[in-house]
Protein backbone atom coordinates (compact mmCIF):
# COMPACT_ATOMS: atom_id res chain seq x y z
CA MET A 1 174.87 65.98 -46.59
CA LYS A 2 171.96 67.15 -45.49
CA SER A 3 169.96 65.43 -48.72
CA THR A 4 171.42 62.28 -47.42
CA GLY A 5 170.25 62.52 -44.29
CA LYS A 6 166.86 63.38 -45.58
CA MET A 7 167.13 59.83 -47.49
CA VAL A 8 168.14 58.08 -44.65
CA SER A 9 165.36 59.36 -42.30
CA LYS A 10 162.67 58.45 -44.94
CA THR A 11 164.27 55.21 -45.73
CA VAL A 12 164.32 54.59 -41.70
CA ILE A 13 160.96 55.75 -41.76
CA GLY A 14 159.64 53.46 -44.85
CA ILE A 15 161.40 49.98 -43.13
CA ALA A 16 159.63 51.48 -39.52
CA ALA A 17 156.14 51.23 -41.31
CA GLY A 18 157.04 47.88 -42.91
CA ILE A 19 157.98 46.44 -39.45
CA ALA A 20 154.85 47.72 -37.79
CA GLY A 21 152.80 46.47 -40.98
CA THR A 22 154.47 42.90 -40.62
CA LEU A 23 153.87 43.17 -36.75
CA PHE A 24 150.36 43.89 -36.92
CA VAL A 25 149.42 41.18 -40.25
CA GLY A 26 151.27 38.65 -37.59
CA TYR A 27 149.23 39.76 -34.64
CA CYS A 28 146.06 39.22 -36.37
CA ILE A 29 146.88 36.03 -37.53
CA TYR A 30 147.92 34.93 -34.04
CA PHE A 31 144.79 36.31 -32.70
CA ASP A 32 142.65 34.43 -35.56
CA ARG A 33 144.47 30.98 -34.96
CA LYS A 34 144.31 31.42 -31.11
CA ARG A 35 140.39 32.30 -31.57
CA ARG A 36 139.76 29.43 -34.22
CA SER A 37 140.95 26.70 -31.79
CA ASP A 38 138.78 27.88 -28.77
CA PRO A 39 136.99 24.87 -28.28
CA GLN A 40 133.58 27.25 -27.45
CA PHE A 41 134.26 28.93 -31.04
CA ARG A 42 132.33 26.46 -33.37
CA GLN A 43 129.48 26.24 -30.82
CA LYS A 44 129.29 30.50 -30.54
CA LEU A 45 129.71 30.67 -34.26
CA LYS A 46 126.70 28.20 -34.71
CA GLU A 47 124.36 29.94 -32.27
CA ARG A 48 124.84 33.21 -33.48
CA ARG A 49 124.42 31.57 -37.03
CA GLU A 50 120.92 30.61 -35.95
CA LYS A 51 120.02 33.48 -33.94
CA GLN A 52 120.32 35.34 -37.67
CA LYS A 53 118.55 32.68 -39.40
CA SER A 54 115.45 33.23 -36.94
CA LYS A 55 115.86 36.92 -37.20
CA GLN A 56 115.52 36.51 -40.93
CA LYS A 57 112.98 34.04 -40.96
CA GLN A 58 110.70 36.09 -38.39
CA LYS A 59 111.18 39.36 -40.51
CA ASP A 60 110.43 37.30 -43.85
CA GLY A 61 107.30 35.36 -42.18
CA SER A 62 105.90 38.57 -41.22
CA SER A 63 106.01 40.47 -44.75
CA SER A 64 105.01 37.46 -46.53
CA THR A 65 102.34 35.27 -44.88
CA MET A 66 101.73 36.09 -41.46
CA ASN A 67 99.36 38.64 -41.91
CA MET A 68 97.84 38.71 -45.06
CA GLN A 69 94.70 40.48 -46.41
CA LEU A 70 92.43 38.86 -48.27
CA PRO A 71 90.95 41.41 -51.26
CA ASN A 72 87.00 42.50 -51.68
CA MET A 73 86.62 39.40 -54.05
CA ALA A 74 83.99 41.94 -55.99
CA ASP A 75 86.51 44.80 -56.46
CA PRO A 76 88.79 43.96 -59.93
CA GLN A 77 91.15 46.84 -58.70
CA GLN A 78 91.97 45.09 -55.48
CA VAL A 79 92.06 40.98 -56.56
CA GLN A 80 94.37 42.12 -59.45
CA GLN A 81 96.43 44.36 -56.60
CA TYR A 82 96.72 41.18 -54.24
CA PHE A 83 97.76 39.11 -57.49
CA LEU A 84 100.40 41.25 -57.87
CA THR A 85 101.72 41.74 -54.71
CA GLN A 86 101.65 37.70 -54.09
CA VAL A 87 103.32 37.20 -57.40
CA GLN A 88 105.90 39.42 -56.34
CA ARG A 89 106.39 38.28 -52.75
CA GLY A 90 106.69 34.85 -54.07
CA GLU A 91 109.34 35.79 -56.71
CA GLU A 92 111.52 37.87 -54.41
CA LEU A 93 111.21 34.91 -51.62
CA LEU A 94 112.29 32.25 -53.98
CA ALA A 95 114.86 34.54 -54.98
CA GLN A 96 116.09 34.46 -51.83
CA GLY A 97 116.14 30.47 -51.01
CA ASP A 98 112.92 30.60 -48.74
CA LEU A 99 111.17 27.94 -50.78
CA ASP A 100 108.18 27.23 -48.73
CA ASN A 101 107.12 30.99 -48.21
CA GLY A 102 107.44 31.74 -51.89
CA THR A 103 105.76 28.97 -53.13
CA GLU A 104 102.49 29.77 -50.40
CA CYS A 105 102.67 33.25 -52.08
CA LEU A 106 102.25 32.03 -55.29
CA CYS A 107 99.52 29.59 -54.48
CA HIS A 108 97.69 32.59 -52.88
CA ALA A 109 98.06 34.15 -56.57
CA VAL A 110 96.94 31.19 -58.17
CA SER A 111 93.99 31.04 -55.94
CA VAL A 112 92.68 34.27 -56.85
CA CYS A 113 93.51 34.73 -60.45
CA GLY A 114 91.19 34.25 -63.25
CA GLN A 115 93.09 32.12 -65.51
CA PRO A 116 94.87 29.58 -63.10
CA ALA A 117 95.19 27.31 -65.60
CA HIS A 118 97.28 29.54 -67.76
CA LEU A 119 99.18 30.90 -64.70
CA LEU A 120 99.95 27.27 -63.84
CA GLU A 121 101.50 26.68 -67.26
CA VAL A 122 103.28 29.89 -66.82
CA LEU A 123 104.67 28.77 -63.82
CA GLN A 124 105.57 25.33 -64.98
CA ARG A 125 107.56 27.12 -67.36
CA THR A 126 109.42 29.37 -65.21
CA LEU A 127 110.10 27.91 -61.83
CA PRO A 128 112.61 24.98 -61.27
CA LEU A 129 110.77 21.39 -61.20
CA PRO A 130 111.10 20.95 -57.77
CA VAL A 131 110.04 24.41 -56.94
CA TYR A 132 106.82 23.85 -58.92
CA ASN A 133 105.87 20.30 -57.82
CA LEU A 134 106.21 22.12 -54.20
CA LEU A 135 103.99 24.69 -55.65
CA VAL A 136 101.43 21.90 -56.81
CA GLU A 137 101.58 19.79 -53.67
CA LYS A 138 100.55 23.34 -51.15
CA LEU A 139 98.00 24.36 -53.80
CA PRO A 140 94.99 22.39 -52.80
CA ALA A 141 95.32 23.40 -48.86
CA VAL A 142 96.03 26.98 -49.97
CA ASN A 143 92.94 27.38 -52.26
CA ASP A 144 90.83 25.47 -49.08
CA LYS A 145 92.18 28.24 -46.63
CA VAL A 146 91.83 30.93 -49.11
CA SER A 147 87.76 29.94 -50.04
CA THR A 148 87.16 29.37 -46.31
CA ALA A 149 88.18 32.72 -45.54
CA ILE A 150 86.03 34.28 -48.27
CA ALA A 151 83.08 32.30 -47.09
CA ALA A 152 84.05 33.42 -43.73
CA ALA A 153 84.29 36.89 -44.81
CA ALA A 154 81.22 36.58 -46.78
CA ALA A 155 79.13 34.71 -43.48
CA SER A 156 80.24 37.66 -41.05
CA GLY A 157 78.57 40.09 -43.13
CA MET A 158 81.32 41.82 -44.80
CA GLY A 159 80.02 40.98 -48.03
CA GLY A 160 83.87 39.64 -49.32
CA ALA A 161 85.78 42.96 -47.33
CA SER A 162 89.52 42.05 -46.00
CA SER A 163 89.85 39.14 -43.81
CA ALA A 164 93.38 38.72 -42.09
CA LEU A 165 94.61 35.16 -42.49
CA VAL A 166 96.87 34.64 -39.07
CA GLU A 167 99.67 31.98 -39.38
CA GLU A 168 98.26 29.28 -37.69
CA GLU A 169 95.36 28.88 -40.31
CA LEU A 170 98.42 28.53 -42.99
CA GLU A 171 100.52 26.14 -40.95
């Protein structure tokens, strides 16, 4: 009889655990429906998503184009490092879906590239057409800004040393 008593208690424990699990799932469903039927739920959710997007944009913007350092154009190693960094940032931002900052970084890479025509051919083959068209649209403005920044650095006696581009210049 002792063995049937243990089986009954195991069965009772199993049934109790099943009922507790069912009650927990039922409460979760009830709470979720109550939360979703709240008139301010969608508004709060939208605000939260906008805050996250703005934080992400600030983070991406600061890491990509806000305080960009131009290389010393007389030093080929610095120019090459800058070029590679801009290509890498551009690819990362495009992969994240940030087309504006991604194409801007690629424009900076093209502007310091020794063979921009060849680079543009490669980009035309590898990028989707809308992204490539955006790159081509932005290229003249970015080229002008980079040229202006380089000329300003040379005129200020830096001899082509690094010059910071701030966000206002880029927009």
